[in-house]
Structures are given as structure tokens and as C-alpha cells.
Amino acid sequence: MSENTIILGSVIISLFMVAIVNFFRLKNTKKPVKNAKSIIIPPFGMAMGFSMFIFAPALRPTWTEIIYAVIAGVLCSVFLIKTSKFEVRENQIYLQRSKLFFIVLIGLVLIRYLAKFILSTSYQLDAGEMSGMFFILAFSMILPWRIGMLIGYKKIEKQLQSMRAVNA
């Protein structure tokens, strides 16, 4: 399989993932958050992807690339954290609907495509290494985002419990 085919495949898969994330995000704003576990489970599920570095050594980026990917992921997570807030409705905790979240997510995907293009053409990075690097970037973005959401949820949950105690 050619490197262009691999890159095109990853672009198509990431567009599909953006659509899925937005679908679930909209769906999740219409129902109360079940519990804190539902917020923190996705990064643990995604962590299974790190097994690719054990079973497919060609996907392993260098330590420098790992450090860059982690830094970029953490910086990108700030935008997701800022657009993921909770609110109390009907005495329950809901994720706030945010049009800005969709724009941020699309912006992050476009930046990812641009970075992938630059890295593949200017630095001649192997497609496998690049895939590993962008997986680490995604994980480094999702983990802080979900931790930020968990902190926000716990804060609102505490306020809700205080309100319930006052009203009881």
C-alpha cells in the first residue's frame, strides 16, 4: 500500500471520527450525565491503542516526536476544555451545548491535516511513525480534556448536592 493511500485513509477515518464525536456530543447534551465514570472512561478505552506500539514496531515514533506530540496534544486540549461546560437543568447535570465546540473540533482536525501534510512532505516522516505520533497527540489531547470535564462535573455535582441539602 502506498504512503498516499495510507494518508488518505487516515484523513477519511478522522473525518468519520469527527462526525461521530459531534453526533454523540449533541446527543449527550439532551440527557443528563449519568455519572463521573461516563466522563473518564473514553481515555481508558483509547489507551488500548498503545498496544500498537508493541505489536507494530514500525509505528513507534522517536522520543523527540513523542514529546512534540504530547505538547501539541495538551495545548489543543485547552480549547476542548474551554468549550466543555456543565449546567444544572431540572435538578440534574447536563453537558452544555456549544456551537464553538464543533468549530474548535473542525479547526483541530484542519490543523492536524496541515501538520500531517507538512511532516510527510518537508520532514519525510514515515507514514507509520506519523500514525503513531498522531495517536499520541490525540490521546494527549483527550486525557486532559476528560480530566478537565471530570473536574467541572465534580464542581457542579457538589453545588447540586448543596442545593438539594438546602431545599430538603
N, C-alpha and C. Protein backbone atom coordinates (compact mmCIF):
# COMPACT_ATOMS: atom_id res chain seq x y z
N MET A 1 0.85 -1.18 0.00
CA MET A 1 0.00 0.00 0.00
C MET A 1 0.90 1.24 0.00
N SER A 2 0.56 2.21 -0.84
CA SER A 2 1.39 3.41 -0.94
C SER A 2 1.15 4.32 0.27
N GLU A 3 2.13 5.20 0.48
CA GLU A 3 2.02 6.13 1.60
C GLU A 3 0.86 7.11 1.40
N ASN A 4 0.61 7.51 0.16
CA ASN A 4 -0.52 8.42 -0.12
C ASN A 4 -1.85 7.76 0.22
N THR A 5 -1.96 6.47 -0.05
CA THR A 5 -3.18 5.73 0.27
C THR A 5 -3.38 5.68 1.79
N ILE A 6 -2.30 5.47 2.51
CA ILE A 6 -2.38 5.43 3.97
C ILE A 6 -2.80 6.79 4.52
N ILE A 7 -2.21 7.85 3.99
CA ILE A 7 -2.55 9.20 4.46
C ILE A 7 -4.00 9.53 4.13
N LEU A 8 -4.43 9.21 2.90
CA LEU A 8 -5.83 9.44 2.52
C LEU A 8 -6.77 8.65 3.41
N GLY A 9 -6.42 7.41 3.70
CA GLY A 9 -7.23 6.57 4.59
C GLY A 9 -7.35 7.19 5.98
N SER A 10 -6.24 7.70 6.49
CA SER A 10 -6.29 8.31 7.83
C SER A 10 -7.13 9.58 7.83
N VAL A 11 -7.12 10.33 6.73
CA VAL A 11 -7.95 11.53 6.62
C VAL A 11 -9.43 11.15 6.64
N ILE A 12 -9.78 10.14 5.86
CA ILE A 12 -11.18 9.68 5.80
C ILE A 12 -11.63 9.17 7.17
N ILE A 13 -10.79 8.39 7.82
CA ILE A 13 -11.14 7.86 9.15
C ILE A 13 -11.30 9.00 10.15
N SER A 14 -10.42 9.99 10.12
CA SER A 14 -10.54 11.09 11.08
C SER A 14 -11.78 11.93 10.82
N LEU A 15 -12.17 12.13 9.56
CA LEU A 15 -13.41 12.84 9.27
C LEU A 15 -14.61 12.07 9.81
N PHE A 16 -14.57 10.77 9.66
CA PHE A 16 -15.62 9.92 10.20
C PHE A 16 -15.67 10.05 11.73
N MET A 17 -14.52 10.08 12.37
CA MET A 17 -14.46 10.21 13.84
C MET A 17 -15.01 11.57 14.29
N VAL A 18 -14.72 12.63 13.53
CA VAL A 18 -15.26 13.96 13.87
C VAL A 18 -16.78 13.93 13.82
N ALA A 19 -17.32 13.29 12.79
CA ALA A 19 -18.78 13.18 12.67
C ALA A 19 -19.36 12.40 13.86
N ILE A 20 -18.70 11.33 14.26
CA ILE A 20 -19.18 10.53 15.39
C ILE A 20 -19.11 11.33 16.69
N VAL A 21 -17.99 12.02 16.91
CA VAL A 21 -17.84 12.83 18.12
C VAL A 21 -18.94 13.89 18.20
N ASN A 22 -19.19 14.57 17.09
CA ASN A 22 -20.23 15.61 17.09
C ASN A 22 -21.61 15.02 17.29
N PHE A 23 -21.88 13.87 16.70
CA PHE A 23 -23.16 13.20 16.89
C PHE A 23 -23.39 12.89 18.37
N PHE A 24 -22.39 12.26 19.01
CA PHE A 24 -22.54 11.91 20.42
C PHE A 24 -22.56 13.14 21.31
N ARG A 25 -21.81 14.16 20.94
CA ARG A 25 -21.80 15.39 21.72
C ARG A 25 -23.20 16.02 21.74
N LEU A 26 -23.84 16.12 20.57
CA LEU A 26 -25.19 16.67 20.50
C LEU A 26 -26.18 15.79 21.26
N LYS A 27 -26.04 14.51 21.11
CA LYS A 27 -26.92 13.56 21.80
C LYS A 27 -26.75 13.68 23.32
N ASN A 28 -25.51 13.84 23.77
CA ASN A 28 -25.25 13.91 25.21
C ASN A 28 -25.71 15.21 25.86
N THR A 29 -25.94 16.25 25.07
CA THR A 29 -26.44 17.50 25.67
C THR A 29 -27.94 17.42 25.95
N LYS A 30 -28.60 16.40 25.42
CA LYS A 30 -30.06 16.27 25.58
C LYS A 30 -30.46 15.40 26.76
N LYS A 31 -29.49 14.74 27.38
CA LYS A 31 -29.81 13.90 28.52
C LYS A 31 -28.80 14.17 29.64
N PRO A 32 -29.21 13.94 30.89
CA PRO A 32 -28.29 14.22 31.99
C PRO A 32 -27.08 13.29 31.98
N VAL A 33 -25.98 13.80 32.50
CA VAL A 33 -24.77 12.99 32.62
C VAL A 33 -25.04 11.93 33.68
N LYS A 34 -24.77 10.67 33.34
CA LYS A 34 -25.08 9.57 34.27
C LYS A 34 -24.24 9.65 35.54
N ASN A 35 -22.92 9.71 35.34
CA ASN A 35 -22.01 9.76 36.48
C ASN A 35 -20.61 10.14 35.99
N ALA A 36 -19.71 10.28 36.91
CA ALA A 36 -18.34 10.68 36.57
C ALA A 36 -17.63 9.63 35.72
N LYS A 37 -18.00 8.37 35.90
CA LYS A 37 -17.35 7.30 35.13
C LYS A 37 -17.55 7.49 33.63
N SER A 38 -18.74 7.94 33.25
CA SER A 38 -19.03 8.11 31.83
C SER A 38 -18.15 9.20 31.20
N ILE A 39 -17.59 10.07 32.02
CA ILE A 39 -16.71 11.12 31.52
C ILE A 39 -15.29 10.60 31.35
N ILE A 40 -14.83 9.80 32.27
CA ILE A 40 -13.42 9.41 32.29
C ILE A 40 -13.13 8.09 31.58
N ILE A 41 -14.14 7.30 31.24
CA ILE A 41 -13.92 6.00 30.59
C ILE A 41 -13.30 6.12 29.18
N PRO A 42 -13.70 7.07 28.32
CA PRO A 42 -13.14 7.10 26.96
C PRO A 42 -11.61 7.09 26.87
N PRO A 43 -10.87 7.87 27.68
CA PRO A 43 -9.42 7.77 27.56
C PRO A 43 -8.87 6.38 27.95
N PHE A 44 -9.53 5.73 28.89
CA PHE A 44 -9.07 4.39 29.26
C PHE A 44 -9.30 3.42 28.11
N GLY A 45 -10.43 3.56 27.42
CA GLY A 45 -10.68 2.72 26.25
C GLY A 45 -9.68 3.00 25.15
N MET A 46 -9.38 4.26 24.96
CA MET A 46 -8.43 4.64 23.91
C MET A 46 -7.02 4.17 24.24
N ALA A 47 -6.70 4.05 25.52
CA ALA A 47 -5.36 3.63 25.93
C ALA A 47 -4.99 2.27 25.37
N MET A 48 -5.99 1.46 25.04
CA MET A 48 -5.71 0.16 24.43
C MET A 48 -4.95 0.32 23.12
N GLY A 49 -5.11 1.45 22.49
CA GLY A 49 -4.41 1.71 21.23
C GLY A 49 -2.90 1.72 21.37
N PHE A 50 -2.42 1.95 22.59
CA PHE A 50 -0.97 1.94 22.79
C PHE A 50 -0.36 0.57 22.53
N SER A 51 -1.20 -0.47 22.50
CA SER A 51 -0.70 -1.81 22.20
C SER A 51 -0.14 -1.88 20.78
N MET A 52 -0.53 -0.94 19.92
CA MET A 52 0.00 -0.94 18.55
C MET A 52 1.52 -0.77 18.56
N PHE A 53 2.05 -0.10 19.57
CA PHE A 53 3.49 0.11 19.63
C PHE A 53 4.23 -1.18 20.01
N ILE A 54 3.53 -2.09 20.65
CA ILE A 54 4.11 -3.39 21.00
C ILE A 54 4.07 -4.32 19.79
N PHE A 55 2.91 -4.36 19.13
CA PHE A 55 2.70 -5.32 18.05
C PHE A 55 3.12 -4.81 16.68
N ALA A 56 3.29 -3.52 16.53
CA ALA A 56 3.71 -2.95 15.25
C ALA A 56 4.83 -1.94 15.48
N PRO A 57 6.05 -2.43 15.67
CA PRO A 57 7.17 -1.52 15.97
C PRO A 57 7.38 -0.43 14.92
N ALA A 58 6.94 -0.64 13.69
CA ALA A 58 7.11 0.38 12.64
C ALA A 58 6.32 1.65 12.95
N LEU A 59 5.35 1.55 13.86
CA LEU A 59 4.52 2.71 14.20
C LEU A 59 5.12 3.55 15.32
N ARG A 60 6.23 3.09 15.88
CA ARG A 60 6.82 3.80 17.02
C ARG A 60 7.55 5.07 16.59
N PRO A 61 7.11 6.22 17.10
CA PRO A 61 7.84 7.45 16.82
C PRO A 61 9.08 7.55 17.72
N THR A 62 9.96 8.48 17.38
CA THR A 62 11.15 8.70 18.21
C THR A 62 10.72 9.44 19.49
N TRP A 63 11.62 9.49 20.47
CA TRP A 63 11.29 10.19 21.72
C TRP A 63 11.02 11.67 21.47
N THR A 64 11.76 12.27 20.57
CA THR A 64 11.53 13.68 20.25
C THR A 64 10.12 13.87 19.66
N GLU A 65 9.73 12.99 18.76
CA GLU A 65 8.39 13.07 18.16
C GLU A 65 7.31 12.85 19.20
N ILE A 66 7.56 11.95 20.14
CA ILE A 66 6.60 11.71 21.23
C ILE A 66 6.42 12.97 22.07
N ILE A 67 7.53 13.61 22.41
CA ILE A 67 7.47 14.83 23.23
C ILE A 67 6.70 15.92 22.50
N TYR A 68 6.99 16.11 21.19
CA TYR A 68 6.25 17.11 20.40
C TYR A 68 4.76 16.78 20.35
N ALA A 69 4.45 15.51 20.17
CA ALA A 69 3.04 15.09 20.07
C ALA A 69 2.31 15.34 21.39
N VAL A 70 2.95 15.04 22.51
CA VAL A 70 2.32 15.25 23.82
C VAL A 70 2.11 16.75 24.06
N ILE A 71 3.11 17.55 23.77
CA ILE A 71 2.97 19.00 23.97
C ILE A 71 1.84 19.55 23.10
N ALA A 72 1.82 19.16 21.83
CA ALA A 72 0.76 19.64 20.92
C ALA A 72 -0.62 19.17 21.41
N GLY A 73 -0.71 17.93 21.86
CA GLY A 73 -1.99 17.40 22.35
C GLY A 73 -2.50 18.16 23.57
N VAL A 74 -1.60 18.42 24.51
CA VAL A 74 -2.00 19.13 25.73
C VAL A 74 -2.43 20.57 25.38
N LEU A 75 -1.71 21.21 24.48
CA LEU A 75 -2.09 22.57 24.08
C LEU A 75 -3.46 22.59 23.39
N CYS A 76 -3.70 21.60 22.54
CA CYS A 76 -5.00 21.52 21.84
C CYS A 76 -6.14 21.21 22.82
N SER A 77 -5.83 20.48 23.88
CA SER A 77 -6.87 20.10 24.84
C SER A 77 -7.47 21.33 25.53
N VAL A 78 -6.71 22.39 25.62
CA VAL A 78 -7.20 23.62 26.28
C VAL A 78 -8.48 24.11 25.58
N PHE A 79 -8.50 24.06 24.25
CA PHE A 79 -9.68 24.51 23.51
C PHE A 79 -10.88 23.62 23.78
N LEU A 80 -10.65 22.33 23.88
CA LEU A 80 -11.75 21.40 24.17
C LEU A 80 -12.27 21.60 25.60
N ILE A 81 -11.34 21.82 26.52
CA ILE A 81 -11.73 22.05 27.93
C ILE A 81 -12.59 23.31 28.03
N LYS A 82 -12.17 24.37 27.34
CA LYS A 82 -12.90 25.65 27.40
C LYS A 82 -14.30 25.56 26.81
N THR A 83 -14.53 24.61 25.89
CA THR A 83 -15.85 24.51 25.25
C THR A 83 -16.69 23.37 25.82
N SER A 84 -16.25 22.78 26.92
CA SER A 84 -16.99 21.67 27.54
C SER A 84 -17.37 22.06 28.97
N LYS A 85 -18.54 22.58 29.11
CA LYS A 85 -19.04 23.03 30.42
C LYS A 85 -20.31 22.27 30.77
N PHE A 86 -20.63 22.26 32.05
CA PHE A 86 -21.83 21.60 32.54
C PHE A 86 -22.78 22.63 33.12
N GLU A 87 -24.05 22.25 33.18
CA GLU A 87 -25.07 23.12 33.77
C GLU A 87 -26.10 22.25 34.47
N VAL A 88 -26.83 22.87 35.39
CA VAL A 88 -27.90 22.16 36.10
C VAL A 88 -29.21 22.52 35.42
N ARG A 89 -29.94 21.50 35.00
CA ARG A 89 -31.29 21.66 34.44
C ARG A 89 -32.17 20.59 35.06
N GLU A 90 -33.35 20.97 35.47
CA GLU A 90 -34.30 20.02 36.04
C GLU A 90 -33.68 19.21 37.19
N ASN A 91 -32.86 19.89 37.96
CA ASN A 91 -32.21 19.29 39.13
C ASN A 91 -31.25 18.15 38.76
N GLN A 92 -30.72 18.20 37.53
CA GLN A 92 -29.74 17.21 37.08
C GLN A 92 -28.63 17.92 36.31
N ILE A 93 -27.50 17.22 36.15
CA ILE A 93 -26.34 17.82 35.48
C ILE A 93 -26.34 17.44 34.00
N TYR A 94 -26.23 18.48 33.15
CA TYR A 94 -26.19 18.29 31.70
C TYR A 94 -24.92 18.91 31.14
N LEU A 95 -24.44 18.36 30.05
CA LEU A 95 -23.36 18.96 29.30
C LEU A 95 -23.97 20.10 28.49
N GLN A 96 -23.38 21.29 28.56
CA GLN A 96 -23.90 22.44 27.82
C GLN A 96 -23.65 22.26 26.33
N ARG A 97 -24.62 22.64 25.55
CA ARG A 97 -24.47 22.62 24.10
C ARG A 97 -23.58 23.80 23.71
N SER A 98 -22.62 23.56 22.82
CA SER A 98 -21.71 24.61 22.44
C SER A 98 -21.43 24.55 20.93
N LYS A 99 -21.83 25.60 20.21
CA LYS A 99 -21.51 25.67 18.78
C LYS A 99 -20.01 25.83 18.58
N LEU A 100 -19.38 26.49 19.53
CA LEU A 100 -17.95 26.70 19.45
C LEU A 100 -17.18 25.37 19.51
N PHE A 101 -17.72 24.37 20.23
CA PHE A 101 -17.06 23.06 20.30
C PHE A 101 -16.89 22.48 18.91
N PHE A 102 -17.94 22.52 18.10
CA PHE A 102 -17.88 21.99 16.74
C PHE A 102 -16.82 22.73 15.93
N ILE A 103 -16.80 24.05 16.04
CA ILE A 103 -15.82 24.86 15.31
C ILE A 103 -14.41 24.53 15.76
N VAL A 104 -14.22 24.39 17.08
CA VAL A 104 -12.90 24.03 17.62
C VAL A 104 -12.47 22.66 17.11
N LEU A 105 -13.38 21.71 17.14
CA LEU A 105 -13.06 20.35 16.69
C LEU A 105 -12.66 20.35 15.21
N ILE A 106 -13.41 21.04 14.38
CA ILE A 106 -13.07 21.14 12.95
C ILE A 106 -11.72 21.84 12.78
N GLY A 107 -11.50 22.90 13.54
CA GLY A 107 -10.22 23.61 13.49
C GLY A 107 -9.06 22.71 13.86
N LEU A 108 -9.23 21.90 14.91
CA LEU A 108 -8.17 20.99 15.32
C LEU A 108 -7.90 19.94 14.26
N VAL A 109 -8.94 19.46 13.61
CA VAL A 109 -8.76 18.48 12.54
C VAL A 109 -8.03 19.11 11.36
N LEU A 110 -8.38 20.34 10.99
CA LEU A 110 -7.69 21.02 9.90
C LEU A 110 -6.22 21.24 10.22
N ILE A 111 -5.94 21.61 11.46
CA ILE A 111 -4.54 21.78 11.89
C ILE A 111 -3.81 20.44 11.81
N ARG A 112 -4.50 19.39 12.19
CA ARG A 112 -3.89 18.05 12.12
C ARG A 112 -3.55 17.68 10.68
N TYR A 113 -4.47 17.94 9.74
CA TYR A 113 -4.21 17.66 8.32
C TYR A 113 -3.02 18.46 7.82
N LEU A 114 -3.00 19.74 8.18
CA LEU A 114 -1.89 20.60 7.76
C LEU A 114 -0.57 20.08 8.32
N ALA A 115 -0.57 19.74 9.59
CA ALA A 115 0.65 19.21 10.21
C ALA A 115 1.07 17.90 9.56
N LYS A 116 0.11 17.04 9.27
CA LYS A 116 0.41 15.76 8.62
C LYS A 116 1.03 16.00 7.24
N PHE A 117 0.46 16.95 6.51
CA PHE A 117 0.98 17.27 5.17
C PHE A 117 2.41 17.80 5.28
N ILE A 118 2.61 18.74 6.19
CA ILE A 118 3.95 19.33 6.35
C ILE A 118 4.96 18.28 6.79
N LEU A 119 4.58 17.46 7.75
CA LEU A 119 5.51 16.44 8.25
C LEU A 119 5.82 15.39 7.19
N SER A 120 4.84 15.03 6.39
CA SER A 120 5.08 13.98 5.38
C SER A 120 5.88 14.50 4.19
N THR A 121 5.75 15.79 3.86
CA THR A 121 6.47 16.32 2.71
C THR A 121 7.81 16.95 3.09
N SER A 122 7.81 17.79 4.10
CA SER A 122 9.03 18.52 4.45
C SER A 122 10.03 17.68 5.24
N TYR A 123 9.53 16.86 6.13
CA TYR A 123 10.43 16.11 7.01
C TYR A 123 10.55 14.64 6.63
N GLN A 124 9.82 14.25 5.59
CA GLN A 124 9.89 12.87 5.08
C GLN A 124 9.66 11.83 6.18
N LEU A 125 8.71 12.11 7.07
CA LEU A 125 8.38 11.14 8.13
C LEU A 125 7.66 9.95 7.53
N ASP A 126 7.98 8.78 8.02
CA ASP A 126 7.32 7.55 7.61
C ASP A 126 5.85 7.61 8.04
N ALA A 127 4.96 7.10 7.19
CA ALA A 127 3.51 7.14 7.49
C ALA A 127 3.20 6.39 8.77
N GLY A 128 3.89 5.30 9.04
CA GLY A 128 3.67 4.54 10.27
C GLY A 128 4.04 5.33 11.51
N GLU A 129 5.21 5.94 11.47
CA GLU A 129 5.65 6.78 12.60
C GLU A 129 4.68 7.94 12.81
N MET A 130 4.25 8.52 11.68
CA MET A 130 3.32 9.65 11.76
C MET A 130 2.00 9.21 12.38
N SER A 131 1.53 8.01 12.03
CA SER A 131 0.29 7.49 12.62
C SER A 131 0.45 7.34 14.13
N GLY A 132 1.58 6.79 14.54
CA GLY A 132 1.84 6.64 15.98
C GLY A 132 1.91 7.98 16.68
N MET A 133 2.56 8.93 16.02
CA MET A 133 2.71 10.27 16.60
C MET A 133 1.34 10.95 16.76
N PHE A 134 0.48 10.82 15.76
CA PHE A 134 -0.83 11.46 15.85
C PHE A 134 -1.77 10.73 16.80
N PHE A 135 -1.54 9.44 17.00
CA PHE A 135 -2.31 8.73 18.04
C PHE A 135 -1.93 9.29 19.41
N ILE A 136 -0.63 9.46 19.64
CA ILE A 136 -0.16 10.02 20.91
C ILE A 136 -0.70 11.44 21.09
N LEU A 137 -0.70 12.23 20.02
CA LEU A 137 -1.25 13.58 20.08
C LEU A 137 -2.72 13.53 20.48
N ALA A 138 -3.49 12.65 19.84
CA ALA A 138 -4.92 12.55 20.15
C ALA A 138 -5.14 12.13 21.60
N PHE A 139 -4.38 11.15 22.06
CA PHE A 139 -4.53 10.70 23.45
C PHE A 139 -4.14 11.82 24.42
N SER A 140 -3.07 12.54 24.09
CA SER A 140 -2.60 13.64 24.94
C SER A 140 -3.57 14.81 24.94
N MET A 141 -4.46 14.85 23.96
CA MET A 141 -5.49 15.88 23.92
C MET A 141 -6.74 15.41 24.68
N ILE A 142 -7.11 14.17 24.50
CA ILE A 142 -8.34 13.64 25.09
C ILE A 142 -8.21 13.45 26.60
N LEU A 143 -7.08 12.97 27.07
CA LEU A 143 -6.93 12.73 28.51
C LEU A 143 -7.07 14.01 29.34
N PRO A 144 -6.33 15.09 29.05
CA PRO A 144 -6.53 16.33 29.84
C PRO A 144 -7.94 16.91 29.68
N TRP A 145 -8.51 16.79 28.47
CA TRP A 145 -9.86 17.28 28.22
C TRP A 145 -10.84 16.56 29.13
N ARG A 146 -10.76 15.25 29.18
CA ARG A 146 -11.68 14.49 30.02
C ARG A 146 -11.42 14.71 31.51
N ILE A 147 -10.18 14.91 31.89
CA ILE A 147 -9.88 15.23 33.29
C ILE A 147 -10.49 16.60 33.63
N GLY A 148 -10.35 17.56 32.70
CA GLY A 148 -10.97 18.88 32.89
C GLY A 148 -12.48 18.78 33.00
N MET A 149 -13.09 17.92 32.17
CA MET A 149 -14.54 17.71 32.25
C MET A 149 -14.91 17.10 33.60
N LEU A 150 -14.12 16.14 34.06
CA LEU A 150 -14.39 15.49 35.34
C LEU A 150 -14.34 16.50 36.48
N ILE A 151 -13.36 17.36 36.46
CA ILE A 151 -13.24 18.40 37.50
C ILE A 151 -14.46 19.32 37.44
N GLY A 152 -14.86 19.74 36.24
CA GLY A 152 -16.05 20.60 36.09
C GLY A 152 -17.31 19.89 36.56
N TYR A 153 -17.44 18.62 36.23
CA TYR A 153 -18.61 17.84 36.64
C TYR A 153 -18.67 17.74 38.17
N LYS A 154 -17.52 17.43 38.79
CA LYS A 154 -17.49 17.29 40.25
C LYS A 154 -17.84 18.60 40.94
N LYS A 155 -17.40 19.72 40.36
CA LYS A 155 -17.72 21.03 40.93
C LYS A 155 -19.23 21.28 40.88
N ILE A 156 -19.84 21.02 39.73
CA ILE A 156 -21.29 21.20 39.57
C ILE A 156 -22.05 20.21 40.45
N GLU A 157 -21.55 18.98 40.53
CA GLU A 157 -22.20 17.96 41.36
C GLU A 157 -22.22 18.38 42.83
N LYS A 158 -21.12 18.97 43.28
CA LYS A 158 -21.04 19.46 44.67
C LYS A 158 -22.04 20.59 44.90
N GLN A 159 -22.15 21.51 43.93
CA GLN A 159 -23.11 22.61 44.03
C GLN A 159 -24.54 22.08 44.05
N LEU A 160 -24.81 21.09 43.22
CA LEU A 160 -26.14 20.49 43.16
C LEU A 160 -26.49 19.81 44.47
N GLN A 161 -25.54 19.11 45.06
CA GLN A 161 -25.77 18.46 46.35
C GLN A 161 -26.03 19.47 47.44
N SER A 162 -25.31 20.60 47.41
CA SER A 162 -25.54 21.66 48.39
C SER A 162 -26.94 22.25 48.23
N MET A 163 -27.36 22.45 46.96
CA MET A 163 -28.70 22.99 46.70
C MET A 163 -29.77 22.02 47.19
N ARG A 164 -29.54 20.73 46.99
CA ARG A 164 -30.50 19.73 47.42
C ARG A 164 -30.59 19.68 48.95
N ALA A 165 -29.45 19.86 49.61
CA ALA A 165 -29.42 19.83 51.08
C ALA A 165 -30.18 21.03 51.65
N VAL A 166 -30.03 22.19 51.01
CA VAL A 166 -30.71 23.40 51.45
C VAL A 166 -32.22 23.25 51.25
N ASN A 167 -32.63 22.66 50.12
CA ASN A 167 -34.04 22.51 49.81
C ASN A 167 -34.71 21.36 50.55
N ALA A 168 -33.92 20.49 51.17
CA ALA A 168 -34.51 19.33 51.86
C ALA A 168 -35.05 19.68 53.22
